[in-house]
Amino acid sequence: DEVITWFDLLTSVAPPTPTANWMH
């Protein structure tokens, strides 16, 4: 029931932001 997603968050206001998201 656990998921970790590693991604780059691309926005209009900043350079790509490396991000980790853990969901249950």
PDBML (XML) file of the C-alpha atoms, coordinates in Angstrom:
<?xml version="1.0" encoding="UTF-8" ?>
<PDBx:datablock datablockName="MODEL"
   xmlns:PDBx="http://pdbml.pdb.org/schema/pdbx-v50.xsd"
   xmlns:xsi="http://www.w3.org/2001/XMLSchema-instance"
   xsi:schemaLocation="http://pdbml.pdb.org/schema/pdbx-v50.xsd pdbx-v50.xsd">
   <PDBx:atom_siteCategory>
      <PDBx:atom_site id="1">
         <PDBx:B_iso_or_equiv>0.00</PDBx:B_iso_or_equiv>
         <PDBx:Cartn_x>0.000</PDBx:Cartn_x>
         <PDBx:Cartn_y>0.000</PDBx:Cartn_y>
         <PDBx:Cartn_z>0.000</PDBx:Cartn_z>
         <PDBx:auth_asym_id>A</PDBx:auth_asym_id>
         <PDBx:auth_atom_id>CA</PDBx:auth_atom_id>
         <PDBx:auth_comp_id>ASP</PDBx:auth_comp_id>
         <PDBx:auth_seq_id>1</PDBx:auth_seq_id>
         <PDBx:group_PDB>ATOM</PDBx:group_PDB>
         <PDBx:label_alt_id xsi:nil="true" />
         <PDBx:label_asym_id>A</PDBx:label_asym_id>
         <PDBx:label_atom_id>CA</PDBx:label_atom_id>
         <PDBx:label_comp_id>ASP</PDBx:label_comp_id>
         <PDBx:label_entity_id>1</PDBx:label_entity_id>
         <PDBx:label_seq_id>1</PDBx:label_seq_id>
         <PDBx:occupancy>1.00</PDBx:occupancy>
         <PDBx:pdbx_PDB_model_num>1</PDBx:pdbx_PDB_model_num>
         <PDBx:type_symbol>C</PDBx:type_symbol>
      </PDBx:atom_site>
      <PDBx:atom_site id="2">
         <PDBx:B_iso_or_equiv>0.00</PDBx:B_iso_or_equiv>
         <PDBx:Cartn_x>3.044</PDBx:Cartn_x>
         <PDBx:Cartn_y>2.306</PDBx:Cartn_y>
         <PDBx:Cartn_z>-0.222</PDBx:Cartn_z>
         <PDBx:auth_asym_id>A</PDBx:auth_asym_id>
         <PDBx:auth_atom_id>CA</PDBx:auth_atom_id>
         <PDBx:auth_comp_id>GLU</PDBx:auth_comp_id>
         <PDBx:auth_seq_id>2</PDBx:auth_seq_id>
         <PDBx:group_PDB>ATOM</PDBx:group_PDB>
         <PDBx:label_alt_id xsi:nil="true" />
         <PDBx:label_asym_id>A</PDBx:label_asym_id>
         <PDBx:label_atom_id>CA</PDBx:label_atom_id>
         <PDBx:label_comp_id>GLU</PDBx:label_comp_id>
         <PDBx:label_entity_id>1</PDBx:label_entity_id>
         <PDBx:label_seq_id>2</PDBx:label_seq_id>
         <PDBx:occupancy>1.00</PDBx:occupancy>
         <PDBx:pdbx_PDB_model_num>1</PDBx:pdbx_PDB_model_num>
         <PDBx:type_symbol>C</PDBx:type_symbol>
      </PDBx:atom_site>
      <PDBx:atom_site id="3">
         <PDBx:B_iso_or_equiv>0.00</PDBx:B_iso_or_equiv>
         <PDBx:Cartn_x>4.299</PDBx:Cartn_x>
         <PDBx:Cartn_y>4.167</PDBx:Cartn_y>
         <PDBx:Cartn_z>-3.308</PDBx:Cartn_z>
         <PDBx:auth_asym_id>A</PDBx:auth_asym_id>
         <PDBx:auth_atom_id>CA</PDBx:auth_atom_id>
         <PDBx:auth_comp_id>VAL</PDBx:auth_comp_id>
         <PDBx:auth_seq_id>3</PDBx:auth_seq_id>
         <PDBx:group_PDB>ATOM</PDBx:group_PDB>
         <PDBx:label_alt_id xsi:nil="true" />
         <PDBx:label_asym_id>A</PDBx:label_asym_id>
         <PDBx:label_atom_id>CA</PDBx:label_atom_id>
         <PDBx:label_comp_id>VAL</PDBx:label_comp_id>
         <PDBx:label_entity_id>1</PDBx:label_entity_id>
         <PDBx:label_seq_id>3</PDBx:label_seq_id>
         <PDBx:occupancy>1.00</PDBx:occupancy>
         <PDBx:pdbx_PDB_model_num>1</PDBx:pdbx_PDB_model_num>
         <PDBx:type_symbol>C</PDBx:type_symbol>
      </PDBx:atom_site>
      <PDBx:atom_site id="4">
         <PDBx:B_iso_or_equiv>0.00</PDBx:B_iso_or_equiv>
         <PDBx:Cartn_x>7.272</PDBx:Cartn_x>
         <PDBx:Cartn_y>6.479</PDBx:Cartn_y>
         <PDBx:Cartn_z>-3.696</PDBx:Cartn_z>
         <PDBx:auth_asym_id>A</PDBx:auth_asym_id>
         <PDBx:auth_atom_id>CA</PDBx:auth_atom_id>
         <PDBx:auth_comp_id>ILE</PDBx:auth_comp_id>
         <PDBx:auth_seq_id>4</PDBx:auth_seq_id>
         <PDBx:group_PDB>ATOM</PDBx:group_PDB>
         <PDBx:label_alt_id xsi:nil="true" />
         <PDBx:label_asym_id>A</PDBx:label_asym_id>
         <PDBx:label_atom_id>CA</PDBx:label_atom_id>
         <PDBx:label_comp_id>ILE</PDBx:label_comp_id>
         <PDBx:label_entity_id>1</PDBx:label_entity_id>
         <PDBx:label_seq_id>4</PDBx:label_seq_id>
         <PDBx:occupancy>1.00</PDBx:occupancy>
         <PDBx:pdbx_PDB_model_num>1</PDBx:pdbx_PDB_model_num>
         <PDBx:type_symbol>C</PDBx:type_symbol>
      </PDBx:atom_site>
      <PDBx:atom_site id="5">
         <PDBx:B_iso_or_equiv>0.00</PDBx:B_iso_or_equiv>
         <PDBx:Cartn_x>7.496</PDBx:Cartn_x>
         <PDBx:Cartn_y>8.599</PDBx:Cartn_y>
         <PDBx:Cartn_z>-6.830</PDBx:Cartn_z>
         <PDBx:auth_asym_id>A</PDBx:auth_asym_id>
         <PDBx:auth_atom_id>CA</PDBx:auth_atom_id>
         <PDBx:auth_comp_id>THR</PDBx:auth_comp_id>
         <PDBx:auth_seq_id>5</PDBx:auth_seq_id>
         <PDBx:group_PDB>ATOM</PDBx:group_PDB>
         <PDBx:label_alt_id xsi:nil="true" />
         <PDBx:label_asym_id>A</PDBx:label_asym_id>
         <PDBx:label_atom_id>CA</PDBx:label_atom_id>
         <PDBx:label_comp_id>THR</PDBx:label_comp_id>
         <PDBx:label_entity_id>1</PDBx:label_entity_id>
         <PDBx:label_seq_id>5</PDBx:label_seq_id>
         <PDBx:occupancy>1.00</PDBx:occupancy>
         <PDBx:pdbx_PDB_model_num>1</PDBx:pdbx_PDB_model_num>
         <PDBx:type_symbol>C</PDBx:type_symbol>
      </PDBx:atom_site>
      <PDBx:atom_site id="6">
         <PDBx:B_iso_or_equiv>0.00</PDBx:B_iso_or_equiv>
         <PDBx:Cartn_x>10.699</PDBx:Cartn_x>
         <PDBx:Cartn_y>10.495</PDBx:Cartn_y>
         <PDBx:Cartn_z>-7.650</PDBx:Cartn_z>
         <PDBx:auth_asym_id>A</PDBx:auth_asym_id>
         <PDBx:auth_atom_id>CA</PDBx:auth_atom_id>
         <PDBx:auth_comp_id>TRP</PDBx:auth_comp_id>
         <PDBx:auth_seq_id>6</PDBx:auth_seq_id>
         <PDBx:group_PDB>ATOM</PDBx:group_PDB>
         <PDBx:label_alt_id xsi:nil="true" />
         <PDBx:label_asym_id>A</PDBx:label_asym_id>
         <PDBx:label_atom_id>CA</PDBx:label_atom_id>
         <PDBx:label_comp_id>TRP</PDBx:label_comp_id>
         <PDBx:label_entity_id>1</PDBx:label_entity_id>
         <PDBx:label_seq_id>6</PDBx:label_seq_id>
         <PDBx:occupancy>1.00</PDBx:occupancy>
         <PDBx:pdbx_PDB_model_num>1</PDBx:pdbx_PDB_model_num>
         <PDBx:type_symbol>C</PDBx:type_symbol>
      </PDBx:atom_site>
      <PDBx:atom_site id="7">
         <PDBx:B_iso_or_equiv>0.00</PDBx:B_iso_or_equiv>
         <PDBx:Cartn_x>10.111</PDBx:Cartn_x>
         <PDBx:Cartn_y>13.262</PDBx:Cartn_y>
         <PDBx:Cartn_z>-10.184</PDBx:Cartn_z>
         <PDBx:auth_asym_id>A</PDBx:auth_asym_id>
         <PDBx:auth_atom_id>CA</PDBx:auth_atom_id>
         <PDBx:auth_comp_id>PHE</PDBx:auth_comp_id>
         <PDBx:auth_seq_id>7</PDBx:auth_seq_id>
         <PDBx:group_PDB>ATOM</PDBx:group_PDB>
         <PDBx:label_alt_id xsi:nil="true" />
         <PDBx:label_asym_id>A</PDBx:label_asym_id>
         <PDBx:label_atom_id>CA</PDBx:label_atom_id>
         <PDBx:label_comp_id>PHE</PDBx:label_comp_id>
         <PDBx:label_entity_id>1</PDBx:label_entity_id>
         <PDBx:label_seq_id>7</PDBx:label_seq_id>
         <PDBx:occupancy>1.00</PDBx:occupancy>
         <PDBx:pdbx_PDB_model_num>1</PDBx:pdbx_PDB_model_num>
         <PDBx:type_symbol>C</PDBx:type_symbol>
      </PDBx:atom_site>
      <PDBx:atom_site id="8">
         <PDBx:B_iso_or_equiv>0.00</PDBx:B_iso_or_equiv>
         <PDBx:Cartn_x>11.189</PDBx:Cartn_x>
         <PDBx:Cartn_y>16.659</PDBx:Cartn_y>
         <PDBx:Cartn_z>-11.428</PDBx:Cartn_z>
         <PDBx:auth_asym_id>A</PDBx:auth_asym_id>
         <PDBx:auth_atom_id>CA</PDBx:auth_atom_id>
         <PDBx:auth_comp_id>ASP</PDBx:auth_comp_id>
         <PDBx:auth_seq_id>8</PDBx:auth_seq_id>
         <PDBx:group_PDB>ATOM</PDBx:group_PDB>
         <PDBx:label_alt_id xsi:nil="true" />
         <PDBx:label_asym_id>A</PDBx:label_asym_id>
         <PDBx:label_atom_id>CA</PDBx:label_atom_id>
         <PDBx:label_comp_id>ASP</PDBx:label_comp_id>
         <PDBx:label_entity_id>1</PDBx:label_entity_id>
         <PDBx:label_seq_id>8</PDBx:label_seq_id>
         <PDBx:occupancy>1.00</PDBx:occupancy>
         <PDBx:pdbx_PDB_model_num>1</PDBx:pdbx_PDB_model_num>
         <PDBx:type_symbol>C</PDBx:type_symbol>
      </PDBx:atom_site>
      <PDBx:atom_site id="9">
         <PDBx:B_iso_or_equiv>0.00</PDBx:B_iso_or_equiv>
         <PDBx:Cartn_x>8.532</PDBx:Cartn_x>
         <PDBx:Cartn_y>19.290</PDBx:Cartn_y>
         <PDBx:Cartn_z>-10.785</PDBx:Cartn_z>
         <PDBx:auth_asym_id>A</PDBx:auth_asym_id>
         <PDBx:auth_atom_id>CA</PDBx:auth_atom_id>
         <PDBx:auth_comp_id>LEU</PDBx:auth_comp_id>
         <PDBx:auth_seq_id>9</PDBx:auth_seq_id>
         <PDBx:group_PDB>ATOM</PDBx:group_PDB>
         <PDBx:label_alt_id xsi:nil="true" />
         <PDBx:label_asym_id>A</PDBx:label_asym_id>
         <PDBx:label_atom_id>CA</PDBx:label_atom_id>
         <PDBx:label_comp_id>LEU</PDBx:label_comp_id>
         <PDBx:label_entity_id>1</PDBx:label_entity_id>
         <PDBx:label_seq_id>9</PDBx:label_seq_id>
         <PDBx:occupancy>1.00</PDBx:occupancy>
         <PDBx:pdbx_PDB_model_num>1</PDBx:pdbx_PDB_model_num>
         <PDBx:type_symbol>C</PDBx:type_symbol>
      </PDBx:atom_site>
      <PDBx:atom_site id="10">
         <PDBx:B_iso_or_equiv>0.00</PDBx:B_iso_or_equiv>
         <PDBx:Cartn_x>8.599</PDBx:Cartn_x>
         <PDBx:Cartn_y>21.717</PDBx:Cartn_y>
         <PDBx:Cartn_z>-13.714</PDBx:Cartn_z>
         <PDBx:auth_asym_id>A</PDBx:auth_asym_id>
         <PDBx:auth_atom_id>CA</PDBx:auth_atom_id>
         <PDBx:auth_comp_id>LEU</PDBx:auth_comp_id>
         <PDBx:auth_seq_id>10</PDBx:auth_seq_id>
         <PDBx:group_PDB>ATOM</PDBx:group_PDB>
         <PDBx:label_alt_id xsi:nil="true" />
         <PDBx:label_asym_id>A</PDBx:label_asym_id>
         <PDBx:label_atom_id>CA</PDBx:label_atom_id>
         <PDBx:label_comp_id>LEU</PDBx:label_comp_id>
         <PDBx:label_entity_id>1</PDBx:label_entity_id>
         <PDBx:label_seq_id>10</PDBx:label_seq_id>
         <PDBx:occupancy>1.00</PDBx:occupancy>
         <PDBx:pdbx_PDB_model_num>1</PDBx:pdbx_PDB_model_num>
         <PDBx:type_symbol>C</PDBx:type_symbol>
      </PDBx:atom_site>
      <PDBx:atom_site id="11">
         <PDBx:B_iso_or_equiv>0.00</PDBx:B_iso_or_equiv>
         <PDBx:Cartn_x>6.932</PDBx:Cartn_x>
         <PDBx:Cartn_y>25.064</PDBx:Cartn_y>
         <PDBx:Cartn_z>-13.083</PDBx:Cartn_z>
         <PDBx:auth_asym_id>A</PDBx:auth_asym_id>
         <PDBx:auth_atom_id>CA</PDBx:auth_atom_id>
         <PDBx:auth_comp_id>THR</PDBx:auth_comp_id>
         <PDBx:auth_seq_id>11</PDBx:auth_seq_id>
         <PDBx:group_PDB>ATOM</PDBx:group_PDB>
         <PDBx:label_alt_id xsi:nil="true" />
         <PDBx:label_asym_id>A</PDBx:label_asym_id>
         <PDBx:label_atom_id>CA</PDBx:label_atom_id>
         <PDBx:label_comp_id>THR</PDBx:label_comp_id>
         <PDBx:label_entity_id>1</PDBx:label_entity_id>
         <PDBx:label_seq_id>11</PDBx:label_seq_id>
         <PDBx:occupancy>1.00</PDBx:occupancy>
         <PDBx:pdbx_PDB_model_num>1</PDBx:pdbx_PDB_model_num>
         <PDBx:type_symbol>C</PDBx:type_symbol>
      </PDBx:atom_site>
      <PDBx:atom_site id="12">
         <PDBx:B_iso_or_equiv>0.00</PDBx:B_iso_or_equiv>
         <PDBx:Cartn_x>6.738</PDBx:Cartn_x>
         <PDBx:Cartn_y>28.459</PDBx:Cartn_y>
         <PDBx:Cartn_z>-14.723</PDBx:Cartn_z>
         <PDBx:auth_asym_id>A</PDBx:auth_asym_id>
         <PDBx:auth_atom_id>CA</PDBx:auth_atom_id>
         <PDBx:auth_comp_id>SER</PDBx:auth_comp_id>
         <PDBx:auth_seq_id>12</PDBx:auth_seq_id>
         <PDBx:group_PDB>ATOM</PDBx:group_PDB>
         <PDBx:label_alt_id xsi:nil="true" />
         <PDBx:label_asym_id>A</PDBx:label_asym_id>
         <PDBx:label_atom_id>CA</PDBx:label_atom_id>
         <PDBx:label_comp_id>SER</PDBx:label_comp_id>
         <PDBx:label_entity_id>1</PDBx:label_entity_id>
         <PDBx:label_seq_id>12</PDBx:label_seq_id>
         <PDBx:occupancy>1.00</PDBx:occupancy>
         <PDBx:pdbx_PDB_model_num>1</PDBx:pdbx_PDB_model_num>
         <PDBx:type_symbol>C</PDBx:type_symbol>
      </PDBx:atom_site>
      <PDBx:atom_site id="13">
         <PDBx:B_iso_or_equiv>0.00</PDBx:B_iso_or_equiv>
         <PDBx:Cartn_x>8.479</PDBx:Cartn_x>
         <PDBx:Cartn_y>30.113</PDBx:Cartn_y>
         <PDBx:Cartn_z>-11.746</PDBx:Cartn_z>
         <PDBx:auth_asym_id>A</PDBx:auth_asym_id>
         <PDBx:auth_atom_id>CA</PDBx:auth_atom_id>
         <PDBx:auth_comp_id>VAL</PDBx:auth_comp_id>
         <PDBx:auth_seq_id>13</PDBx:auth_seq_id>
         <PDBx:group_PDB>ATOM</PDBx:group_PDB>
         <PDBx:label_alt_id xsi:nil="true" />
         <PDBx:label_asym_id>A</PDBx:label_asym_id>
         <PDBx:label_atom_id>CA</PDBx:label_atom_id>
         <PDBx:label_comp_id>VAL</PDBx:label_comp_id>
         <PDBx:label_entity_id>1</PDBx:label_entity_id>
         <PDBx:label_seq_id>13</PDBx:label_seq_id>
         <PDBx:occupancy>1.00</PDBx:occupancy>
         <PDBx:pdbx_PDB_model_num>1</PDBx:pdbx_PDB_model_num>
         <PDBx:type_symbol>C</PDBx:type_symbol>
      </PDBx:atom_site>
      <PDBx:atom_site id="14">
         <PDBx:B_iso_or_equiv>0.00</PDBx:B_iso_or_equiv>
         <PDBx:Cartn_x>11.541</PDBx:Cartn_x>
         <PDBx:Cartn_y>27.953</PDBx:Cartn_y>
         <PDBx:Cartn_z>-10.989</PDBx:Cartn_z>
         <PDBx:auth_asym_id>A</PDBx:auth_asym_id>
         <PDBx:auth_atom_id>CA</PDBx:auth_atom_id>
         <PDBx:auth_comp_id>ALA</PDBx:auth_comp_id>
         <PDBx:auth_seq_id>14</PDBx:auth_seq_id>
         <PDBx:group_PDB>ATOM</PDBx:group_PDB>
         <PDBx:label_alt_id xsi:nil="true" />
         <PDBx:label_asym_id>A</PDBx:label_asym_id>
         <PDBx:label_atom_id>CA</PDBx:label_atom_id>
         <PDBx:label_comp_id>ALA</PDBx:label_comp_id>
         <PDBx:label_entity_id>1</PDBx:label_entity_id>
         <PDBx:label_seq_id>14</PDBx:label_seq_id>
         <PDBx:occupancy>1.00</PDBx:occupancy>
         <PDBx:pdbx_PDB_model_num>1</PDBx:pdbx_PDB_model_num>
         <PDBx:type_symbol>C</PDBx:type_symbol>
      </PDBx:atom_site>
      <PDBx:atom_site id="15">
         <PDBx:B_iso_or_equiv>0.00</PDBx:B_iso_or_equiv>
         <PDBx:Cartn_x>14.028</PDBx:Cartn_x>
         <PDBx:Cartn_y>25.560</PDBx:Cartn_y>
         <PDBx:Cartn_z>-12.521</PDBx:Cartn_z>
         <PDBx:auth_asym_id>A</PDBx:auth_asym_id>
         <PDBx:auth_atom_id>CA</PDBx:auth_atom_id>
         <PDBx:auth_comp_id>PRO</PDBx:auth_comp_id>
         <PDBx:auth_seq_id>15</PDBx:auth_seq_id>
         <PDBx:group_PDB>ATOM</PDBx:group_PDB>
         <PDBx:label_alt_id xsi:nil="true" />
         <PDBx:label_asym_id>A</PDBx:label_asym_id>
         <PDBx:label_atom_id>CA</PDBx:label_atom_id>
         <PDBx:label_comp_id>PRO</PDBx:label_comp_id>
         <PDBx:label_entity_id>1</PDBx:label_entity_id>
         <PDBx:label_seq_id>15</PDBx:label_seq_id>
         <PDBx:occupancy>1.00</PDBx:occupancy>
         <PDBx:pdbx_PDB_model_num>1</PDBx:pdbx_PDB_model_num>
         <PDBx:type_symbol>C</PDBx:type_symbol>
      </PDBx:atom_site>
      <PDBx:atom_site id="16">
         <PDBx:B_iso_or_equiv>0.00</PDBx:B_iso_or_equiv>
         <PDBx:Cartn_x>13.124</PDBx:Cartn_x>
         <PDBx:Cartn_y>21.842</PDBx:Cartn_y>
         <PDBx:Cartn_z>-12.355</PDBx:Cartn_z>
         <PDBx:auth_asym_id>A</PDBx:auth_asym_id>
         <PDBx:auth_atom_id>CA</PDBx:auth_atom_id>
         <PDBx:auth_comp_id>PRO</PDBx:auth_comp_id>
         <PDBx:auth_seq_id>16</PDBx:auth_seq_id>
         <PDBx:group_PDB>ATOM</PDBx:group_PDB>
         <PDBx:label_alt_id xsi:nil="true" />
         <PDBx:label_asym_id>A</PDBx:label_asym_id>
         <PDBx:label_atom_id>CA</PDBx:label_atom_id>
         <PDBx:label_comp_id>PRO</PDBx:label_comp_id>
         <PDBx:label_entity_id>1</PDBx:label_entity_id>
         <PDBx:label_seq_id>16</PDBx:label_seq_id>
         <PDBx:occupancy>1.00</PDBx:occupancy>
         <PDBx:pdbx_PDB_model_num>1</PDBx:pdbx_PDB_model_num>
         <PDBx:type_symbol>C</PDBx:type_symbol>
      </PDBx:atom_site>
      <PDBx:atom_site id="17">
         <PDBx:B_iso_or_equiv>0.00</PDBx:B_iso_or_equiv>
         <PDBx:Cartn_x>12.715</PDBx:Cartn_x>
         <PDBx:Cartn_y>20.813</PDBx:Cartn_y>
         <PDBx:Cartn_z>-8.722</PDBx:Cartn_z>
         <PDBx:auth_asym_id>A</PDBx:auth_asym_id>
         <PDBx:auth_atom_id>CA</PDBx:auth_atom_id>
         <PDBx:auth_comp_id>THR</PDBx:auth_comp_id>
         <PDBx:auth_seq_id>17</PDBx:auth_seq_id>
         <PDBx:group_PDB>ATOM</PDBx:group_PDB>
         <PDBx:label_alt_id xsi:nil="true" />
         <PDBx:label_asym_id>A</PDBx:label_asym_id>
         <PDBx:label_atom_id>CA</PDBx:label_atom_id>
         <PDBx:label_comp_id>THR</PDBx:label_comp_id>
         <PDBx:label_entity_id>1</PDBx:label_entity_id>
         <PDBx:label_seq_id>17</PDBx:label_seq_id>
         <PDBx:occupancy>1.00</PDBx:occupancy>
         <PDBx:pdbx_PDB_model_num>1</PDBx:pdbx_PDB_model_num>
         <PDBx:type_symbol>C</PDBx:type_symbol>
      </PDBx:atom_site>
      <PDBx:atom_site id="18">
         <PDBx:B_iso_or_equiv>0.00</PDBx:B_iso_or_equiv>
         <PDBx:Cartn_x>13.721</PDBx:Cartn_x>
         <PDBx:Cartn_y>17.221</PDBx:Cartn_y>
         <PDBx:Cartn_z>-7.831</PDBx:Cartn_z>
         <PDBx:auth_asym_id>A</PDBx:auth_asym_id>
         <PDBx:auth_atom_id>CA</PDBx:auth_atom_id>
         <PDBx:auth_comp_id>PRO</PDBx:auth_comp_id>
         <PDBx:auth_seq_id>18</PDBx:auth_seq_id>
         <PDBx:group_PDB>ATOM</PDBx:group_PDB>
         <PDBx:label_alt_id xsi:nil="true" />
         <PDBx:label_asym_id>A</PDBx:label_asym_id>
         <PDBx:label_atom_id>CA</PDBx:label_atom_id>
         <PDBx:label_comp_id>PRO</PDBx:label_comp_id>
         <PDBx:label_entity_id>1</PDBx:label_entity_id>
         <PDBx:label_seq_id>18</PDBx:label_seq_id>
         <PDBx:occupancy>1.00</PDBx:occupancy>
         <PDBx:pdbx_PDB_model_num>1</PDBx:pdbx_PDB_model_num>
         <PDBx:type_symbol>C</PDBx:type_symbol>
      </PDBx:atom_site>
      <PDBx:atom_site id="19">
         <PDBx:B_iso_or_equiv>0.00</PDBx:B_iso_or_equiv>
         <PDBx:Cartn_x>10.904</PDBx:Cartn_x>
         <PDBx:Cartn_y>15.893</PDBx:Cartn_y>
         <PDBx:Cartn_z>-5.631</PDBx:Cartn_z>
         <PDBx:auth_asym_id>A</PDBx:auth_asym_id>
         <PDBx:auth_atom_id>CA</PDBx:auth_atom_id>
         <PDBx:auth_comp_id>THR</PDBx:auth_comp_id>
         <PDBx:auth_seq_id>19</PDBx:auth_seq_id>
         <PDBx:group_PDB>ATOM</PDBx:group_PDB>
         <PDBx:label_alt_id xsi:nil="true" />
         <PDBx:label_asym_id>A</PDBx:label_asym_id>
         <PDBx:label_atom_id>CA</PDBx:label_atom_id>
         <PDBx:label_comp_id>THR</PDBx:label_comp_id>
         <PDBx:label_entity_id>1</PDBx:label_entity_id>
         <PDBx:label_seq_id>19</PDBx:label_seq_id>
         <PDBx:occupancy>1.00</PDBx:occupancy>
         <PDBx:pdbx_PDB_model_num>1</PDBx:pdbx_PDB_model_num>
         <PDBx:type_symbol>C</PDBx:type_symbol>
      </PDBx:atom_site>
      <PDBx:atom_site id="20">
         <PDBx:B_iso_or_equiv>0.00</PDBx:B_iso_or_equiv>
         <PDBx:Cartn_x>10.060</PDBx:Cartn_x>
         <PDBx:Cartn_y>12.755</PDBx:Cartn_y>
         <PDBx:Cartn_z>-3.674</PDBx:Cartn_z>
         <PDBx:auth_asym_id>A</PDBx:auth_asym_id>
         <PDBx:auth_atom_id>CA</PDBx:auth_atom_id>
         <PDBx:auth_comp_id>ALA</PDBx:auth_comp_id>
         <PDBx:auth_seq_id>20</PDBx:auth_seq_id>
         <PDBx:group_PDB>ATOM</PDBx:group_PDB>
         <PDBx:label_alt_id xsi:nil="true" />
         <PDBx:label_asym_id>A</PDBx:label_asym_id>
         <PDBx:label_atom_id>CA</PDBx:label_atom_id>
         <PDBx:label_comp_id>ALA</PDBx:label_comp_id>
         <PDBx:label_entity_id>1</PDBx:label_entity_id>
         <PDBx:label_seq_id>20</PDBx:label_seq_id>
         <PDBx:occupancy>1.00</PDBx:occupancy>
         <PDBx:pdbx_PDB_model_num>1</PDBx:pdbx_PDB_model_num>
         <PDBx:type_symbol>C</PDBx:type_symbol>
      </PDBx:atom_site>
      <PDBx:atom_site id="21">
         <PDBx:B_iso_or_equiv>0.00</PDBx:B_iso_or_equiv>
         <PDBx:Cartn_x>6.403</PDBx:Cartn_x>
         <PDBx:Cartn_y>11.889</PDBx:Cartn_y>
         <PDBx:Cartn_z>-3.004</PDBx:Cartn_z>
         <PDBx:auth_asym_id>A</PDBx:auth_asym_id>
         <PDBx:auth_atom_id>CA</PDBx:auth_atom_id>
         <PDBx:auth_comp_id>ASN</PDBx:auth_comp_id>
         <PDBx:auth_seq_id>21</PDBx:auth_seq_id>
         <PDBx:group_PDB>ATOM</PDBx:group_PDB>
         <PDBx:label_alt_id xsi:nil="true" />
         <PDBx:label_asym_id>A</PDBx:label_asym_id>
         <PDBx:label_atom_id>CA</PDBx:label_atom_id>
         <PDBx:label_comp_id>ASN</PDBx:label_comp_id>
         <PDBx:label_entity_id>1</PDBx:label_entity_id>
         <PDBx:label_seq_id>21</PDBx:label_seq_id>
         <PDBx:occupancy>1.00</PDBx:occupancy>
         <PDBx:pdbx_PDB_model_num>1</PDBx:pdbx_PDB_model_num>
         <PDBx:type_symbol>C</PDBx:type_symbol>
      </PDBx:atom_site>
      <PDBx:atom_site id="22">
         <PDBx:B_iso_or_equiv>0.00</PDBx:B_iso_or_equiv>
         <PDBx:Cartn_x>5.405</PDBx:Cartn_x>
         <PDBx:Cartn_y>9.050</PDBx:Cartn_y>
         <PDBx:Cartn_z>-0.666</PDBx:Cartn_z>
         <PDBx:auth_asym_id>A</PDBx:auth_asym_id>
         <PDBx:auth_atom_id>CA</PDBx:auth_atom_id>
         <PDBx:auth_comp_id>TRP</PDBx:auth_comp_id>
         <PDBx:auth_seq_id>22</PDBx:auth_seq_id>
         <PDBx:group_PDB>ATOM</PDBx:group_PDB>
         <PDBx:label_alt_id xsi:nil="true" />
         <PDBx:label_asym_id>A</PDBx:label_asym_id>
         <PDBx:label_atom_id>CA</PDBx:label_atom_id>
         <PDBx:label_comp_id>TRP</PDBx:label_comp_id>
         <PDBx:label_entity_id>1</PDBx:label_entity_id>
         <PDBx:label_seq_id>22</PDBx:label_seq_id>
         <PDBx:occupancy>1.00</PDBx:occupancy>
         <PDBx:pdbx_PDB_model_num>1</PDBx:pdbx_PDB_model_num>
         <PDBx:type_symbol>C</PDBx:type_symbol>
      </PDBx:atom_site>
      <PDBx:atom_site id="23">
         <PDBx:B_iso_or_equiv>0.00</PDBx:B_iso_or_equiv>
         <PDBx:Cartn_x>1.771</PDBx:Cartn_x>
         <PDBx:Cartn_y>7.913</PDBx:Cartn_y>
         <PDBx:Cartn_z>-0.662</PDBx:Cartn_z>
         <PDBx:auth_asym_id>A</PDBx:auth_asym_id>
         <PDBx:auth_atom_id>CA</PDBx:auth_atom_id>
         <PDBx:auth_comp_id>MET</PDBx:auth_comp_id>
         <PDBx:auth_seq_id>23</PDBx:auth_seq_id>
         <PDBx:group_PDB>ATOM</PDBx:group_PDB>
         <PDBx:label_alt_id xsi:nil="true" />
         <PDBx:label_asym_id>A</PDBx:label_asym_id>
         <PDBx:label_atom_id>CA</PDBx:label_atom_id>
         <PDBx:label_comp_id>MET</PDBx:label_comp_id>
         <PDBx:label_entity_id>1</PDBx:label_entity_id>
         <PDBx:label_seq_id>23</PDBx:label_seq_id>
         <PDBx:occupancy>1.00</PDBx:occupancy>
         <PDBx:pdbx_PDB_model_num>1</PDBx:pdbx_PDB_model_num>
         <PDBx:type_symbol>C</PDBx:type_symbol>
      </PDBx:atom_site>
      <PDBx:atom_site id="24">
         <PDBx:B_iso_or_equiv>0.00</PDBx:B_iso_or_equiv>
         <PDBx:Cartn_x>-0.103</PDBx:Cartn_x>
         <PDBx:Cartn_y>5.432</PDBx:Cartn_y>
         <PDBx:Cartn_z>1.477</PDBx:Cartn_z>
         <PDBx:auth_asym_id>A</PDBx:auth_asym_id>
         <PDBx:auth_atom_id>CA</PDBx:auth_atom_id>
         <PDBx:auth_comp_id>HIS</PDBx:auth_comp_id>
         <PDBx:auth_seq_id>24</PDBx:auth_seq_id>
         <PDBx:group_PDB>ATOM</PDBx:group_PDB>
         <PDBx:label_alt_id xsi:nil="true" />
         <PDBx:label_asym_id>A</PDBx:label_asym_id>
         <PDBx:label_atom_id>CA</PDBx:label_atom_id>
         <PDBx:label_comp_id>HIS</PDBx:label_comp_id>
         <PDBx:label_entity_id>1</PDBx:label_entity_id>
         <PDBx:label_seq_id>24</PDBx:label_seq_id>
         <PDBx:occupancy>1.00</PDBx:occupancy>
         <PDBx:pdbx_PDB_model_num>1</PDBx:pdbx_PDB_model_num>
         <PDBx:type_symbol>C</PDBx:type_symbol>
      </PDBx:atom_site>
   </PDBx:atom_siteCategory>
</PDBx:datablock>
